[in-house]
Amino acid sequence: PQIQEVQKEMEFYKDMLITVQQDVKKLQDIDIKLKEADEKIKQAEEKKQQAEQKITELQNRAASADKPENKQEDDDLAAQARQLEQEAQQQIQAAIDDKQKYIDEIQATKDDKQKCLDEKENITNKLEEMQKNIQQSQASN
């Protein structure tokens, strides 16, 4: 029985090592995705800022336009710029949502590791208890 318990513990550690290696790879992949999400946020924020500047510029131009057709053209361009601003804001939100999803994946991996560590501790405690029982039975003989 003792040999079987030791073999069981060895199997557990072997499985744990494989799981840790898989988790490290998973976390590396998540890290790459987080960096990509940050870059998407940065690009979308720049796009949004450019759209805001264009809107302001076109609104100022439309306000000072001397001909109605120039004003209408500037108003149309401002509307297009507002649409671009809105699209940029949606891209920012999508990237933020992706980033949160990756953070949640990291937390899930952390939770899985804690379960694994708890199981290891349980096995270790059982083995220590078995060792004490064996020592006590040998001492009484």
C-alpha atoms as a PDB file:
ATOM      1  CA  PRO A   1       0.000   0.000   0.000  1.00  0.00           C
ATOM      2  CA  GLN A   2       2.823   2.438   0.790  1.00  0.00           C
ATOM      3  CA  ILE A   3       4.457   1.900  -2.605  1.00  0.00           C
ATOM      4  CA  GLN A   4       1.141   2.507  -4.310  1.00  0.00           C
ATOM      5  CA  GLU A   5       0.676   5.765  -2.413  1.00  0.00           C
ATOM      6  CA  VAL A   6       4.187   6.908  -3.378  1.00  0.00           C
ATOM      7  CA  GLN A   7       3.481   5.976  -6.996  1.00  0.00           C
ATOM      8  CA  LYS A   8       0.206   7.866  -6.789  1.00  0.00           C
ATOM      9  CA  GLU A   9       2.037  10.928  -5.475  1.00  0.00           C
ATOM     10  CA  MET A  10       4.664  10.627  -8.226  1.00  0.00           C
ATOM     11  CA  GLU A  11       1.900  10.467 -10.825  1.00  0.00           C
ATOM     12  CA  PHE A  12       0.275  13.488  -9.259  1.00  0.00           C
ATOM     13  CA  TYR A  13       3.530  15.489  -9.457  1.00  0.00           C
ATOM     14  CA  LYS A  14       4.114  14.336 -13.016  1.00  0.00           C
ATOM     15  CA  ASP A  15       0.591  15.420 -13.990  1.00  0.00           C
ATOM     16  CA  MET A  16       1.079  18.666 -12.105  1.00  0.00           C
ATOM     17  CA  LEU A  17       4.297  19.385 -14.019  1.00  0.00           C
ATOM     18  CA  ILE A  18       2.546  18.796 -17.340  1.00  0.00           C
ATOM     19  CA  THR A  19      -0.320  21.034 -16.253  1.00  0.00           C
ATOM     20  CA  VAL A  20       2.071  23.763 -15.119  1.00  0.00           C
ATOM     21  CA  GLN A  21       3.883  23.621 -18.458  1.00  0.00           C
ATOM     22  CA  GLN A  22       0.562  23.922 -20.278  1.00  0.00           C
ATOM     23  CA  ASP A  23      -0.469  26.792 -18.037  1.00  0.00           C
ATOM     24  CA  VAL A  24       2.795  28.630 -18.640  1.00  0.00           C
ATOM     25  CA  LYS A  25       2.188  28.362 -22.385  1.00  0.00           C
ATOM     26  CA  LYS A  26      -1.412  29.493 -21.906  1.00  0.00           C
ATOM     27  CA  LEU A  27      -0.296  32.472 -19.814  1.00  0.00           C
ATOM     28  CA  GLN A  28       2.325  33.394 -22.420  1.00  0.00           C
ATOM     29  CA  ASP A  29      -0.392  33.341 -25.084  1.00  0.00           C
ATOM     30  CA  ILE A  30      -2.641  35.472 -22.885  1.00  0.00           C
ATOM     31  CA  ASP A  31       0.215  37.929 -22.324  1.00  0.00           C
ATOM     32  CA  ILE A  32       0.569  38.316 -26.091  1.00  0.00           C
ATOM     33  CA  LYS A  33      -3.186  38.857 -26.407  1.00  0.00           C
ATOM     34  CA  LEU A  34      -3.119  41.463 -23.637  1.00  0.00           C
ATOM     35  CA  LYS A  35      -0.360  43.352 -25.433  1.00  0.00           C
ATOM     36  CA  GLU A  36      -2.358  43.178 -28.664  1.00  0.00           C
ATOM     37  CA  ALA A  37      -5.450  44.486 -26.855  1.00  0.00           C
ATOM     38  CA  ASP A  38      -3.411  47.362 -25.410  1.00  0.00           C
ATOM     39  CA  GLU A  39      -2.158  48.207 -28.902  1.00  0.00           C
ATOM     40  CA  LYS A  40      -5.707  48.113 -30.280  1.00  0.00           C
ATOM     41  CA  ILE A  41      -6.850  50.457 -27.515  1.00  0.00           C
ATOM     42  CA  LYS A  42      -3.977  52.828 -28.249  1.00  0.00           C
ATOM     43  CA  GLN A  43      -4.699  52.858 -31.988  1.00  0.00           C
ATOM     44  CA  ALA A  44      -8.431  53.336 -31.484  1.00  0.00           C
ATOM     45  CA  GLU A  45      -7.832  56.163 -29.012  1.00  0.00           C
ATOM     46  CA  GLU A  46      -5.564  57.883 -31.555  1.00  0.00           C
ATOM     47  CA  LYS A  47      -8.213  57.390 -34.223  1.00  0.00           C
ATOM     48  CA  LYS A  48     -10.852  58.826 -31.904  1.00  0.00           C
ATOM     49  CA  GLN A  49      -8.678  61.825 -31.065  1.00  0.00           C
ATOM     50  CA  GLN A  50      -8.095  62.525 -34.753  1.00  0.00           C
ATOM     51  CA  ALA A  51     -11.832  62.318 -35.401  1.00  0.00           C
ATOM     52  CA  GLU A  52     -12.526  64.707 -32.523  1.00  0.00           C
ATOM     53  CA  GLN A  53     -10.004  67.186 -33.913  1.00  0.00           C
ATOM     54  CA  LYS A  54     -11.548  66.909 -37.369  1.00  0.00           C
ATOM     55  CA  ILE A  55     -15.045  67.450 -35.946  1.00  0.00           C
ATOM     56  CA  THR A  56     -13.916  70.590 -34.134  1.00  0.00           C
ATOM     57  CA  GLU A  57     -12.149  71.882 -37.220  1.00  0.00           C
ATOM     58  CA  LEU A  58     -15.167  71.226 -39.457  1.00  0.00           C
ATOM     59  CA  GLN A  59     -17.610  72.720 -36.976  1.00  0.00           C
ATOM     60  CA  ASN A  60     -15.501  75.880 -36.802  1.00  0.00           C
ATOM     61  CA  ARG A  61     -15.284  75.996 -40.576  1.00  0.00           C
ATOM     62  CA  ALA A  62     -19.052  75.450 -40.939  1.00  0.00           C
ATOM     63  CA  ALA A  63     -19.771  78.189 -38.404  1.00  0.00           C
ATOM     64  CA  SER A  64     -17.690  80.668 -40.371  1.00  0.00           C
ATOM     65  CA  ALA A  65     -18.799  79.507 -43.839  1.00  0.00           C
ATOM     66  CA  ASP A  66     -20.096  82.339 -45.975  1.00  0.00           C
ATOM     67  CA  LYS A  67     -22.048  80.192 -48.428  1.00  0.00           C
ATOM     68  CA  PRO A  68     -24.798  77.721 -47.490  1.00  0.00           C
ATOM     69  CA  GLU A  69     -23.344  75.029 -49.758  1.00  0.00           C
ATOM     70  CA  ASN A  70     -19.952  75.296 -47.991  1.00  0.00           C
ATOM     71  CA  LYS A  71     -21.680  75.052 -44.641  1.00  0.00           C
ATOM     72  CA  GLN A  72     -23.608  71.962 -45.779  1.00  0.00           C
ATOM     73  CA  GLU A  73     -20.436  70.306 -47.073  1.00  0.00           C
ATOM     74  CA  ASP A  74     -18.655  70.998 -43.786  1.00  0.00           C
ATOM     75  CA  ASP A  75     -21.656  69.719 -41.816  1.00  0.00           C
ATOM     76  CA  ASP A  76     -21.621  66.511 -43.897  1.00  0.00           C
ATOM     77  CA  LEU A  77     -17.903  66.057 -43.290  1.00  0.00           C
ATOM     78  CA  ALA A  78     -18.410  66.669 -39.578  1.00  0.00           C
ATOM     79  CA  ALA A  79     -21.132  64.007 -39.538  1.00  0.00           C
ATOM     80  CA  GLN A  80     -18.703  61.559 -41.202  1.00  0.00           C
ATOM     81  CA  ALA A  81     -16.049  62.443 -38.639  1.00  0.00           C
ATOM     82  CA  ARG A  82     -18.542  61.851 -35.797  1.00  0.00           C
ATOM     83  CA  GLN A  83     -19.263  58.433 -37.323  1.00  0.00           C
ATOM     84  CA  LEU A  84     -15.525  57.674 -37.330  1.00  0.00           C
ATOM     85  CA  GLU A  85     -15.316  58.840 -33.722  1.00  0.00           C
ATOM     86  CA  GLN A  86     -18.160  56.520 -32.780  1.00  0.00           C
ATOM     87  CA  GLU A  87     -16.503  53.587 -34.573  1.00  0.00           C
ATOM     88  CA  ALA A  88     -13.250  54.314 -32.753  1.00  0.00           C
ATOM     89  CA  GLN A  89     -15.087  54.335 -29.421  1.00  0.00           C
ATOM     90  CA  GLN A  90     -16.636  50.961 -30.270  1.00  0.00           C
ATOM     91  CA  GLN A  91     -13.177  49.603 -31.119  1.00  0.00           C
ATOM     92  CA  ILE A  92     -11.859  50.870 -27.791  1.00  0.00           C
ATOM     93  CA  GLN A  93     -14.695  49.154 -25.930  1.00  0.00           C
ATOM     94  CA  ALA A  94     -14.187  45.899 -27.836  1.00  0.00           C
ATOM     95  CA  ALA A  95     -10.473  45.919 -26.985  1.00  0.00           C
ATOM     96  CA  ILE A  96     -11.239  46.665 -23.325  1.00  0.00           C
ATOM     97  CA  ASP A  97     -13.729  43.770 -23.288  1.00  0.00           C
ATOM     98  CA  ASP A  98     -11.089  41.472 -24.821  1.00  0.00           C
ATOM     99  CA  LYS A  99      -8.570  42.577 -22.236  1.00  0.00           C
ATOM    100  CA  GLN A 100     -11.025  41.793 -19.421  1.00  0.00           C
ATOM    101  CA  LYS A 101     -11.654  38.360 -20.934  1.00  0.00           C
ATOM    102  CA  TYR A 102      -7.905  37.650 -20.872  1.00  0.00           C
ATOM    103  CA  ILE A 103      -7.642  38.836 -17.285  1.00  0.00           C
ATOM    104  CA  ASP A 104     -10.516  36.490 -16.395  1.00  0.00           C
ATOM    105  CA  GLU A 105      -8.619  33.626 -18.076  1.00  0.00           C
ATOM    106  CA  ILE A 106      -5.589  34.409 -15.928  1.00  0.00           C
ATOM    107  CA  GLN A 107      -7.760  34.322 -12.800  1.00  0.00           C
ATOM    108  CA  ALA A 108      -9.276  30.986 -13.840  1.00  0.00           C
ATOM    109  CA  THR A 109      -5.780  29.561 -14.335  1.00  0.00           C
ATOM    110  CA  LYS A 110      -4.786  30.864 -10.906  1.00  0.00           C
ATOM    111  CA  ASP A 111      -7.866  29.240  -9.361  1.00  0.00           C
ATOM    112  CA  ASP A 112      -7.034  25.924 -11.058  1.00  0.00           C
ATOM    113  CA  LYS A 113      -3.494  26.079  -9.690  1.00  0.00           C
ATOM    114  CA  GLN A 114      -4.826  26.697  -6.194  1.00  0.00           C
ATOM    115  CA  LYS A 115      -7.027  23.602  -6.466  1.00  0.00           C
ATOM    116  CA  CYS A 116      -3.996  21.624  -7.606  1.00  0.00           C
ATOM    117  CA  LEU A 117      -1.934  22.891  -4.683  1.00  0.00           C
ATOM    118  CA  ASP A 118      -4.730  22.043  -2.269  1.00  0.00           C
ATOM    119  CA  GLU A 119      -4.855  18.514  -3.675  1.00  0.00           C
ATOM    120  CA  LYS A 120      -1.068  18.198  -3.343  1.00  0.00           C
ATOM    121  CA  GLU A 121      -1.279  19.274   0.280  1.00  0.00           C
ATOM    122  CA  ASN A 122      -4.018  16.714   0.908  1.00  0.00           C
ATOM    123  CA  ILE A 123      -1.917  13.913  -0.604  1.00  0.00           C
ATOM    124  CA  THR A 124       1.145  15.025   1.355  1.00  0.00           C
ATOM    125  CA  ASN A 125      -0.859  14.991   4.597  1.00  0.00           C
ATOM    126  CA  LYS A 126      -2.154  11.491   3.828  1.00  0.00           C
ATOM    127  CA  LEU A 127       1.383  10.257   3.142  1.00  0.00           C
ATOM    128  CA  GLU A 128       2.666  11.786   6.375  1.00  0.00           C
ATOM    129  CA  GLU A 129      -0.179  10.140   8.287  1.00  0.00           C
ATOM    130  CA  MET A 130       0.621   6.785   6.662  1.00  0.00           C
ATOM    131  CA  GLN A 131       4.286   7.205   7.537  1.00  0.00           C
ATOM    132  CA  LYS A 132       3.398   7.889  11.188  1.00  0.00           C
ATOM    133  CA  ASN A 133       1.143   4.831  11.270  1.00  0.00           C
ATOM    134  CA  ILE A 134       3.894   2.656   9.797  1.00  0.00           C
ATOM    135  CA  GLN A 135       6.422   3.994  12.307  1.00  0.00           C
ATOM    136  CA  GLN A 136       4.010   3.407  15.176  1.00  0.00           C
ATOM    137  CA  SER A 137       3.268  -0.134  14.050  1.00  0.00           C
ATOM    138  CA  GLN A 138       6.991  -0.858  13.692  1.00  0.00           C
ATOM    139  CA  ALA A 139       7.688   0.592  17.140  1.00  0.00           C
ATOM    140  CA  SER A 140       5.005  -1.561  18.733  1.00  0.00           C
ATOM    141  CA  ASN A 141       6.443  -4.731  17.138  1.00  0.00           C
END
